[in-house]
Amino acid sequence: MSAKRTLIRGGTVVNARGEYKADLLLESGVIRAILADGEQPEAEVDIDATGKYVMPGCVDEHTHMMDPGYTDREDFTTGTTAAAYGGITTVVDHHRTVPAVYNAEALAEKIAYLKDRSVVDFGLKGGISPTNSADLEAMWDMGITGFKTFTCNLHGVKAMYPGYMQNAFLELKRFGGRVLIHCEDDSVCTENENRLRAAGRTDSASHLEWRSGLAERLAVEAVIELVKSTGATAIIAHVSQAEILELIKQARDQGHPIYAESCPHYFYLTSDDVVTQGPWAKFTPPPKDQQNQDRMWALFNRDFVTTIGSDHCPFPYAQKLPGEQNIWDAPNGIPGIETSLRIMLDAVNQGKTTLSQVVKTMCENPAVLCGLYPQKGVIAAGADADILIVDMEHRELIRNENVLSKCGWTPYHGRTLQGAPETVLVRGETVVGRYKVVGRPGHGRFVERLK
């Protein structure tokens, strides 16, 4: 936290409702004031944002840093360094570490372990399993942002079938918790896999048939019905289909507490990229065709998507490479934390959306759903001074060799994106200056959900 008085002047401030010219005064790690025209207070640090946009730091509520336990894939320092570069000032890490966070003891151990490892601020999620409903409230009381669970067997996590889900939802409703859910029907995926393997399919297109659109829709429909019957709050993770966004919005409009997360890769990659890139675009649910993507953009701009998360899920290059010969031999998951905002800013430059919509879905809404608002996700007096100064003219060629994530590769290798955070502040401290990470591990702190 910086105690210095910092003036950010000359920029255009962006919030979820629009843009306006204003200067910001930062002090002791918070936004002290939004200044009226002509005010020029004394400050020890003066940042000229003329010609640039000033927006809140992004809150990425869907990351897998894999630390402790799987640090060949990522560790918290490399992952949050990549986050800072990407304009993510608060990451929310999920439960699949070692030990997996299914109870208060494992959560306390992880919080202590991460104390000096993060460049940016971080929240945590706990996991929901078929057997740990009695452990959920204790984790919630420790300030986590929510829980994560799966409707399918994936990444070594046991599927939450509807009966298990009902038990967990009733408990969440009792104490006011919320859950992010990976939705794919386990039986459909299993039968698809058996059929494809029996046919000898090893091509990349078989991934699209394995993790089918039907599997995702069936699981989402089941979760919607469970939300309706229990009243628990749920967020559907990484929605890949426009029609699923419509189903979720319909239920929410009926008064049910259910929300949609999607990810930048569903707005930038299509099923054609899975076929041509193979393991380097292998994640699940996979992206769909161009027509679906066009509909996703239209619905995004109409608030059908509540939040954008990166689903940063890196694997080493060597683990992905065998998938070029046999797609089954590559794990599911792609890195994304350092490119997610850049992809959405590039979309603004292409006229697909607006900066305010990006702020709404990458800053404000995720902060609200994580219980961190108005401390995070907004430019307002009293909020943490998590600030991005964005240059919408900056063009960047994305290359594997420049990736900061430990995995060292990106599905966007060779593509040029326009628009990037030039300067990133976390609680008033500069962690990125002139597109270079200057922050150090230990500045980032565990952020508890606001009581």
Protein backbone atom coordinates (compact mmCIF):
# COMPACT_ATOMS: atom_id res chain seq x y z
CA MET A 1 0.00 0.00 0.00
CA SER A 2 1.40 3.38 -0.99
CA ALA A 3 1.12 6.20 1.57
CA LYS A 4 2.21 8.76 -1.04
CA ARG A 5 -0.36 11.16 -2.43
CA THR A 6 -0.71 10.35 -6.12
CA LEU A 7 -2.50 12.46 -8.71
CA ILE A 8 -3.77 10.81 -11.91
CA ARG A 9 -4.70 13.63 -14.24
CA GLY A 10 -5.97 14.25 -17.73
CA GLY A 11 -7.58 10.87 -18.33
CA THR A 12 -11.08 9.70 -19.17
CA VAL A 13 -12.56 7.71 -16.31
CA VAL A 14 -14.63 4.66 -17.33
CA ASN A 15 -17.26 3.05 -15.15
CA ALA A 16 -20.03 0.55 -15.81
CA ARG A 17 -22.42 3.29 -16.91
CA GLY A 18 -20.27 5.54 -19.08
CA GLU A 19 -17.20 7.74 -19.38
CA TYR A 20 -16.29 11.18 -18.03
CA LYS A 21 -13.24 13.40 -17.70
CA ALA A 22 -11.84 13.61 -14.18
CA ASP A 23 -8.66 13.50 -12.15
CA LEU A 24 -8.12 11.12 -9.24
CA LEU A 25 -6.34 11.70 -5.96
CA LEU A 26 -4.97 8.56 -4.30
CA GLU A 27 -3.64 8.31 -0.77
CA SER A 28 -2.84 5.49 1.67
CA GLY A 29 -3.89 2.86 -0.84
CA VAL A 30 -7.39 4.18 -1.53
CA ILE A 31 -9.05 6.65 -3.88
CA ARG A 32 -9.23 9.77 -1.73
CA ALA A 33 -11.21 11.93 -4.17
CA ILE A 34 -12.54 12.27 -7.69
CA LEU A 35 -11.59 15.84 -8.50
CA ALA A 36 -13.71 18.53 -10.07
CA ASP A 37 -12.39 20.63 -12.96
CA GLY A 38 -9.63 22.95 -11.92
CA GLU A 39 -8.68 21.24 -8.66
CA GLN A 40 -4.93 20.71 -8.49
CA PRO A 41 -3.98 19.36 -5.04
CA GLU A 42 -0.36 18.82 -4.16
CA ALA A 43 0.85 15.27 -4.74
CA GLU A 44 4.17 13.49 -4.44
CA VAL A 45 3.51 11.36 -7.53
CA ASP A 46 2.01 12.85 -10.69
CA ILE A 47 0.74 10.52 -13.41
CA ASP A 48 -0.26 12.09 -16.72
CA ALA A 49 -3.11 10.05 -18.28
CA THR A 50 -3.87 12.51 -21.06
CA GLY A 51 -5.36 10.73 -24.07
CA LYS A 52 -5.83 7.52 -22.10
CA TYR A 53 -8.64 5.80 -20.22
CA VAL A 54 -8.67 5.30 -16.45
CA MET A 55 -10.60 2.25 -15.33
CA PRO A 56 -10.84 0.06 -12.24
CA GLY A 57 -8.51 -2.88 -11.94
CA CYS A 58 -10.08 -6.13 -13.13
CA VAL A 59 -11.33 -8.78 -10.72
CA ASP A 60 -10.72 -12.21 -12.25
CA GLU A 61 -12.98 -14.57 -10.33
CA HIS A 62 -11.88 -17.72 -12.15
CA THR A 63 -8.19 -18.62 -11.93
CA HIS A 64 -6.25 -21.81 -11.28
CA MET A 65 -2.79 -20.87 -10.00
CA MET A 66 -2.18 -24.49 -8.92
CA ASP A 67 0.00 -23.42 -5.99
CA PRO A 68 0.69 -25.26 -3.73
CA GLY A 69 0.95 -28.66 -5.35
CA TYR A 70 1.19 -28.29 -9.13
CA THR A 71 3.86 -25.66 -9.53
CA ASP A 72 5.19 -27.21 -12.74
CA ARG A 73 2.07 -25.63 -14.26
CA GLU A 74 2.07 -22.28 -12.43
CA ASP A 75 2.97 -20.81 -9.09
CA PHE A 76 1.35 -17.90 -7.35
CA THR A 77 4.18 -15.48 -8.11
CA THR A 78 4.43 -16.24 -11.83
CA GLY A 79 0.66 -16.35 -12.15
CA THR A 80 0.05 -13.05 -10.38
CA THR A 81 2.91 -11.44 -12.31
CA ALA A 82 1.03 -12.41 -15.47
CA ALA A 83 -2.17 -11.11 -13.89
CA ALA A 84 -0.62 -7.72 -13.17
CA TYR A 85 0.62 -7.44 -16.74
CA GLY A 86 -2.90 -8.26 -17.89
CA GLY A 87 -4.56 -5.57 -15.76
CA ILE A 88 -5.94 -8.02 -13.21
CA THR A 89 -5.53 -6.41 -9.79
CA THR A 90 -7.49 -9.04 -7.85
CA VAL A 91 -7.41 -12.75 -8.66
CA VAL A 92 -9.72 -15.32 -7.12
CA ASP A 93 -7.95 -18.66 -6.96
CA HIS A 94 -9.90 -21.92 -6.97
CA HIS A 95 -9.67 -24.86 -4.64
CA ARG A 96 -7.76 -27.44 -6.71
CA THR A 97 -4.40 -27.19 -4.98
CA VAL A 98 -2.65 -29.58 -2.55
CA PRO A 99 -4.30 -30.04 -0.19
CA ALA A 100 -7.52 -29.28 -2.03
CA VAL A 101 -9.54 -26.66 -0.16
CA TYR A 102 -12.56 -28.63 1.07
CA ASN A 103 -12.47 -27.57 4.73
CA ALA A 104 -11.42 -24.73 7.01
CA GLU A 105 -8.10 -26.36 7.94
CA ALA A 106 -6.95 -26.60 4.32
CA LEU A 107 -8.14 -23.05 3.68
CA ALA A 108 -6.18 -21.65 6.63
CA GLU A 109 -3.09 -23.52 5.44
CA LYS A 110 -3.41 -22.05 1.95
CA ILE A 111 -3.94 -18.49 3.19
CA ALA A 112 -0.80 -18.72 5.31
CA TYR A 113 1.20 -20.30 2.49
CA LEU A 114 0.29 -17.55 0.00
CA LYS A 115 1.04 -14.66 2.35
CA ASP A 116 4.22 -13.44 0.62
CA ARG A 117 3.76 -14.93 -2.84
CA SER A 118 1.33 -12.63 -4.66
CA VAL A 119 2.01 -9.51 -6.76
CA VAL A 120 -1.68 -8.53 -6.80
CA ASP A 121 -4.49 -8.92 -4.27
CA PHE A 122 -6.25 -12.27 -4.10
CA GLY A 123 -9.40 -13.93 -2.87
CA LEU A 124 -10.02 -17.66 -2.59
CA LYS A 125 -12.75 -20.17 -3.33
CA GLY A 126 -13.51 -23.35 -1.46
CA GLY A 127 -14.56 -26.58 -3.13
CA ILE A 128 -17.83 -28.46 -2.85
CA SER A 129 -17.69 -32.25 -2.99
CA PRO A 130 -20.38 -34.92 -2.56
CA THR A 131 -19.35 -35.32 1.10
CA ASN A 132 -18.38 -31.92 2.54
CA SER A 133 -21.63 -29.98 2.95
CA ALA A 134 -20.98 -29.78 6.71
CA ASP A 135 -17.65 -28.00 6.07
CA LEU A 136 -18.95 -25.18 3.88
CA GLU A 137 -20.12 -22.64 6.44
CA ALA A 138 -16.80 -22.62 8.29
CA MET A 139 -14.97 -21.75 5.08
CA TRP A 140 -17.53 -19.06 4.25
CA ASP A 141 -17.00 -17.52 7.68
CA MET A 142 -13.27 -17.21 6.91
CA GLY A 143 -14.03 -14.69 4.16
CA ILE A 144 -13.82 -16.67 0.93
CA THR A 145 -15.60 -15.25 -2.11
CA GLY A 146 -17.62 -18.40 -2.78
CA PHE A 147 -17.33 -22.04 -3.78
CA LYS A 148 -16.64 -24.05 -6.92
CA THR A 149 -17.99 -27.41 -8.00
CA PHE A 150 -18.37 -29.63 -11.07
CA THR A 151 -21.28 -31.60 -12.51
CA CYS A 152 -18.80 -33.96 -14.22
CA ASN A 153 -15.71 -35.95 -13.33
CA LEU A 154 -12.90 -33.69 -14.50
CA HIS A 155 -9.39 -32.72 -13.35
CA GLY A 156 -9.57 -35.42 -10.69
CA VAL A 157 -12.66 -33.84 -9.11
CA LYS A 158 -15.70 -36.00 -8.41
CA ALA A 159 -18.96 -35.11 -10.14
CA MET A 160 -21.74 -33.49 -8.16
CA TYR A 161 -24.83 -35.35 -9.33
CA PRO A 162 -28.22 -33.63 -8.77
CA GLY A 163 -28.87 -35.26 -5.39
CA TYR A 164 -25.47 -34.14 -4.07
CA MET A 165 -26.04 -30.70 -5.56
CA GLN A 166 -29.41 -30.38 -3.86
CA ASN A 167 -27.87 -31.10 -0.45
CA ALA A 168 -25.14 -28.51 -1.01
CA PHE A 169 -27.57 -25.91 -2.35
CA LEU A 170 -29.81 -26.22 0.69
CA GLU A 171 -26.80 -25.62 2.92
CA LEU A 172 -25.65 -22.63 0.82
CA LYS A 173 -29.11 -21.12 1.02
CA ARG A 174 -29.12 -21.50 4.80
CA PHE A 175 -26.02 -19.36 5.37
CA GLY A 176 -26.11 -17.19 2.23
CA GLY A 177 -23.24 -18.73 0.27
CA ARG A 178 -22.81 -18.83 -3.50
CA VAL A 179 -21.27 -21.31 -5.92
CA LEU A 180 -19.65 -21.26 -9.36
CA ILE A 181 -20.46 -24.44 -11.27
CA HIS A 182 -18.70 -26.18 -14.16
CA CYS A 183 -21.66 -27.56 -16.12
CA GLU A 184 -21.29 -30.60 -18.37
CA ASP A 185 -23.41 -33.71 -18.00
CA ASP A 186 -21.09 -36.50 -16.89
CA SER A 187 -23.01 -39.40 -18.45
CA VAL A 188 -23.24 -37.72 -21.87
CA CYS A 189 -19.52 -36.90 -21.88
CA THR A 190 -18.65 -40.45 -20.79
CA GLU A 191 -20.75 -42.09 -23.51
CA ASN A 192 -19.39 -39.70 -26.13
CA GLU A 193 -15.85 -40.58 -25.10
CA ASN A 194 -16.53 -44.32 -25.22
CA ARG A 195 -18.02 -44.06 -28.69
CA LEU A 196 -15.24 -41.86 -30.10
CA ARG A 197 -12.43 -43.98 -28.67
CA ALA A 198 -14.06 -47.17 -29.96
CA ALA A 199 -14.11 -45.61 -33.41
CA GLY A 200 -10.38 -44.87 -33.18
CA ARG A 201 -10.84 -41.11 -33.32
CA THR A 202 -7.73 -39.15 -32.33
CA ASP A 203 -8.32 -35.99 -34.37
CA SER A 204 -8.85 -32.57 -32.79
CA ALA A 205 -12.45 -32.37 -33.98
CA SER A 206 -13.31 -35.33 -31.74
CA HIS A 207 -12.85 -33.01 -28.75
CA LEU A 208 -15.85 -30.99 -29.96
CA GLU A 209 -17.98 -34.14 -30.06
CA TRP A 210 -16.73 -35.43 -26.70
CA ARG A 211 -17.54 -32.25 -24.74
CA SER A 212 -20.75 -31.67 -26.66
CA GLY A 213 -23.11 -28.72 -26.56
CA LEU A 214 -25.83 -31.10 -25.39
CA ALA A 215 -23.78 -32.10 -22.34
CA GLU A 216 -23.41 -28.45 -21.33
CA ARG A 217 -27.10 -27.63 -21.88
CA LEU A 218 -28.39 -30.61 -19.90
CA ALA A 219 -26.21 -29.78 -16.92
CA VAL A 220 -27.18 -26.11 -16.96
CA GLU A 221 -30.88 -26.99 -17.15
CA ALA A 222 -30.51 -29.22 -14.10
CA VAL A 223 -28.73 -26.49 -12.13
CA ILE A 224 -31.42 -23.95 -13.05
CA GLU A 225 -34.09 -26.27 -11.67
CA LEU A 226 -32.09 -26.80 -8.48
CA VAL A 227 -31.71 -23.04 -8.03
CA LYS A 228 -35.44 -22.62 -8.51
CA SER A 229 -36.27 -25.29 -5.94
CA THR A 230 -33.70 -24.32 -3.28
CA GLY A 231 -33.19 -20.57 -3.71
CA ALA A 232 -29.39 -20.94 -3.59
CA THR A 233 -27.24 -18.47 -5.53
CA ALA A 234 -25.31 -20.00 -8.45
CA ILE A 235 -23.08 -18.77 -11.24
CA ILE A 236 -22.74 -20.96 -14.33
CA ALA A 237 -19.06 -21.06 -15.27
CA HIS A 238 -17.59 -20.49 -18.74
CA VAL A 239 -20.85 -20.48 -20.74
CA SER A 240 -20.03 -21.30 -24.37
CA GLN A 241 -23.46 -21.13 -26.01
CA ALA A 242 -25.81 -18.24 -26.73
CA GLU A 243 -28.90 -20.35 -26.03
CA ILE A 244 -27.57 -21.14 -22.55
CA LEU A 245 -27.11 -17.44 -21.86
CA GLU A 246 -30.77 -17.05 -22.80
CA LEU A 247 -31.86 -19.84 -20.44
CA ILE A 248 -29.96 -18.31 -17.53
CA LYS A 249 -31.26 -14.81 -18.21
CA GLN A 250 -34.82 -16.10 -18.42
CA ALA A 251 -34.50 -17.72 -14.99
CA ARG A 252 -32.91 -14.60 -13.52
CA ASP A 253 -35.67 -12.41 -14.95
CA GLN A 254 -38.12 -14.68 -13.12
CA GLY A 255 -36.42 -13.69 -9.88
CA HIS A 256 -34.03 -16.61 -9.36
CA PRO A 257 -30.44 -15.89 -8.20
CA ILE A 258 -28.53 -17.39 -11.12
CA TYR A 259 -25.86 -15.70 -13.20
CA ALA A 260 -23.68 -16.39 -16.24
CA GLU A 261 -19.92 -16.27 -16.45
CA SER A 262 -18.23 -16.48 -19.81
CA CYS A 263 -14.60 -16.13 -20.92
CA PRO A 264 -12.73 -14.12 -23.57
CA HIS A 265 -11.89 -17.26 -25.54
CA TYR A 266 -15.57 -17.84 -26.35
CA PHE A 267 -15.67 -14.39 -27.95
CA TYR A 268 -12.39 -14.77 -29.87
CA LEU A 269 -11.91 -18.46 -30.74
CA THR A 270 -14.33 -20.78 -32.56
CA SER A 271 -14.63 -24.50 -33.17
CA ASP A 272 -12.49 -23.99 -36.29
CA ASP A 273 -9.59 -22.98 -34.03
CA VAL A 274 -9.93 -26.24 -32.09
CA VAL A 275 -9.64 -28.16 -35.36
CA THR A 276 -6.61 -26.19 -36.60
CA GLN A 277 -4.78 -25.62 -33.28
CA GLY A 278 -5.57 -28.92 -31.62
CA PRO A 279 -4.19 -29.13 -28.06
CA TRP A 280 -3.36 -25.41 -27.97
CA ALA A 281 -7.08 -24.62 -28.13
CA LYS A 282 -8.24 -27.61 -26.09
CA PHE A 283 -10.40 -26.53 -23.17
CA THR A 284 -13.88 -27.39 -22.01
CA PRO A 285 -16.58 -26.61 -22.81
CA PRO A 286 -15.03 -26.01 -26.23
CA PRO A 287 -15.95 -22.95 -28.33
CA LYS A 288 -18.72 -23.22 -30.89
CA ASP A 289 -19.11 -21.93 -34.46
CA GLN A 290 -18.97 -18.35 -35.74
CA GLN A 291 -22.75 -17.97 -35.79
CA ASN A 292 -22.92 -18.82 -32.10
CA GLN A 293 -20.10 -16.38 -31.36
CA ASP A 294 -21.92 -13.57 -33.16
CA ARG A 295 -25.00 -14.27 -31.03
CA MET A 296 -22.82 -14.35 -27.89
CA TRP A 297 -21.58 -10.84 -28.68
CA ALA A 298 -25.12 -9.56 -29.16
CA LEU A 299 -26.20 -11.02 -25.81
CA PHE A 300 -23.05 -9.79 -24.08
CA ASN A 301 -24.01 -6.24 -24.96
CA ARG A 302 -27.50 -6.83 -23.54
CA ASP A 303 -26.23 -7.92 -20.09
CA PHE A 304 -26.86 -11.65 -20.55
CA VAL A 305 -23.25 -12.22 -19.40
CA THR A 306 -22.77 -11.13 -15.79
CA THR A 307 -19.05 -11.65 -15.49
CA ILE A 308 -16.00 -12.45 -17.61
CA GLY A 309 -13.36 -14.70 -16.02
CA SER A 310 -10.18 -15.91 -17.66
CA ASP A 311 -10.44 -19.55 -16.47
CA HIS A 312 -6.65 -19.36 -16.43
CA CYS A 313 -5.71 -23.05 -16.47
CA PRO A 314 -2.13 -23.45 -17.73
CA PHE A 315 -0.27 -26.64 -18.53
CA PRO A 316 3.40 -26.94 -19.54
CA TYR A 317 4.12 -27.00 -23.27
CA ALA A 318 5.50 -30.53 -22.96
CA GLN A 319 2.22 -31.81 -21.49
CA LYS A 320 0.16 -30.28 -24.29
CA LEU A 321 2.43 -31.28 -27.19
CA PRO A 322 1.39 -34.98 -27.45
CA GLY A 323 -2.10 -33.78 -28.33
CA GLU A 324 -0.84 -32.80 -31.77
CA GLN A 325 -0.72 -36.50 -32.61
CA ASN A 326 -3.60 -37.71 -30.43
CA ILE A 327 -5.95 -35.08 -28.97
CA TRP A 328 -6.81 -37.34 -26.01
CA ASP A 329 -3.19 -37.09 -24.84
CA ALA A 330 -3.42 -33.34 -24.09
CA PRO A 331 -5.03 -32.06 -20.88
CA ASN A 332 -7.94 -29.60 -20.92
CA GLY A 333 -7.06 -26.00 -20.22
CA ILE A 334 -5.39 -22.88 -21.59
CA PRO A 335 -3.59 -19.90 -20.04
CA GLY A 336 -5.45 -16.61 -20.27
CA ILE A 337 -4.89 -14.24 -17.39
CA GLU A 338 -2.49 -11.92 -19.19
CA THR A 339 -4.51 -11.75 -22.42
CA SER A 340 -8.12 -11.69 -21.21
CA LEU A 341 -8.44 -7.91 -20.86
CA ARG A 342 -6.40 -7.32 -24.02
CA ILE A 343 -8.83 -9.50 -26.00
CA MET A 344 -11.80 -7.53 -24.74
CA LEU A 345 -10.10 -4.18 -25.39
CA ASP A 346 -9.28 -5.34 -28.91
CA ALA A 347 -12.99 -6.12 -29.32
CA VAL A 348 -13.81 -2.55 -28.26
CA ASN A 349 -11.47 -1.27 -30.97
CA GLN A 350 -13.28 -3.50 -33.47
CA GLY A 351 -16.63 -2.00 -32.46
CA LYS A 352 -17.98 -5.22 -30.94
CA THR A 353 -18.61 -3.75 -27.49
CA THR A 354 -17.84 -0.75 -25.28
CA LEU A 355 -15.33 0.05 -22.57
CA SER A 356 -18.17 0.46 -20.09
CA GLN A 357 -19.42 -3.04 -20.84
CA VAL A 358 -15.91 -4.38 -20.28
CA VAL A 359 -15.72 -2.58 -16.93
CA LYS A 360 -19.15 -3.90 -15.96
CA THR A 361 -18.26 -7.55 -16.66
CA MET A 362 -14.56 -7.61 -15.72
CA CYS A 363 -14.48 -5.19 -12.78
CA GLU A 364 -17.75 -4.22 -11.14
CA ASN A 365 -19.95 -7.32 -11.55
CA PRO A 366 -17.30 -9.84 -10.47
CA ALA A 367 -16.51 -7.68 -7.44
CA VAL A 368 -20.21 -7.70 -6.55
CA LEU A 369 -20.59 -11.47 -7.01
CA CYS A 370 -17.43 -12.08 -4.98
CA GLY A 371 -18.60 -9.85 -2.13
CA LEU A 372 -15.70 -7.43 -2.67
CA TYR A 373 -17.71 -4.42 -3.89
CA PRO A 374 -17.31 -1.45 -3.33
CA GLN A 375 -13.77 -2.09 -2.08
CA LYS A 376 -12.85 -3.53 -5.46
CA GLY A 377 -14.08 -3.16 -9.03
CA VAL A 378 -15.04 0.51 -9.03
CA ILE A 379 -13.56 4.00 -9.20
CA ALA A 380 -15.17 5.77 -6.25
CA ALA A 381 -13.99 7.68 -3.22
CA GLY A 382 -13.01 5.20 -0.52
CA ALA A 383 -12.44 2.26 -2.86
CA ASP A 384 -9.05 0.59 -3.07
CA ALA A 385 -6.79 2.42 -5.49
CA ASP A 386 -6.70 -0.46 -7.97
CA ILE A 387 -6.36 1.52 -11.18
CA LEU A 388 -5.56 0.83 -14.84
CA ILE A 389 -4.38 3.49 -17.26
CA VAL A 390 -5.32 2.06 -20.63
CA ASP A 391 -3.90 3.02 -24.01
CA MET A 392 -6.42 1.99 -26.64
CA GLU A 393 -3.92 2.68 -29.44
CA HIS A 394 -1.23 0.32 -28.17
CA ARG A 395 -0.75 -2.65 -30.50
CA GLU A 396 0.94 -5.82 -29.35
CA LEU A 397 1.99 -8.96 -31.21
CA ILE A 398 1.26 -11.87 -28.88
CA ARG A 399 4.08 -14.42 -28.92
CA ASN A 400 4.81 -17.55 -26.90
CA GLU A 401 8.27 -16.32 -25.98
CA ASN A 402 6.83 -13.22 -24.28
CA VAL A 403 4.31 -15.06 -22.09
CA LEU A 404 4.85 -14.42 -18.37
CA SER A 405 2.84 -17.41 -17.17
CA LYS A 406 5.11 -20.31 -16.31
CA CYS A 407 3.58 -22.46 -19.07
CA GLY A 408 5.32 -20.31 -21.71
CA TRP A 409 2.70 -20.47 -24.46
CA THR A 410 -0.62 -18.94 -25.50
CA PRO A 411 -3.41 -19.95 -27.89
CA TYR A 412 -3.14 -16.44 -29.36
CA HIS A 413 0.47 -16.79 -30.56
CA GLY A 414 1.01 -14.71 -33.71
CA ARG A 415 -2.08 -12.52 -33.27
CA THR A 416 -1.98 -8.76 -32.82
CA LEU A 417 -4.23 -7.17 -30.20
CA GLN A 418 -4.92 -3.45 -29.85
CA GLY A 419 -5.52 -1.87 -26.45
CA ALA A 420 -3.63 -2.59 -23.22
CA PRO A 421 -3.02 -1.30 -19.70
CA GLU A 422 0.10 0.85 -19.76
CA THR A 423 0.10 1.40 -16.00
CA VAL A 424 -1.40 -0.81 -13.28
CA LEU A 425 -1.74 0.18 -9.64
CA VAL A 426 -2.73 -2.11 -6.77
CA ARG A 427 -3.79 -0.14 -3.69
CA GLY A 428 -1.93 2.86 -5.06
CA GLU A 429 1.33 1.00 -5.69
CA THR A 430 2.54 0.76 -9.29
CA VAL A 431 2.90 -2.90 -10.27
CA VAL A 432 3.08 -2.28 -14.04
CA GLY A 433 4.73 0.79 -15.55
CA ARG A 434 5.08 1.37 -19.28
CA TYR A 435 3.90 -2.20 -19.93
CA LYS A 436 6.60 -3.70 -17.71
CA VAL A 437 5.86 -5.54 -14.45
CA VAL A 438 7.63 -3.77 -11.60
CA GLY A 439 5.57 -5.18 -8.71
CA ARG A 440 7.01 -7.67 -6.29
CA PRO A 441 5.54 -10.71 -4.52
CA GLY A 442 4.31 -9.88 -1.07
CA HIS A 443 2.52 -6.67 -2.08
CA GLY A 444 -0.62 -8.62 -2.90
CA ARG A 445 -2.72 -9.55 0.11
CA PHE A 446 -5.59 -11.90 0.89
CA VAL A 447 -8.83 -9.97 0.55
CA GLU A 448 -11.72 -11.21 2.65
CA ARG A 449 -15.27 -10.98 1.43
CA LEU A 450 -16.91 -7.92 2.96
CA LYS A 451 -19.13 -8.90 5.89
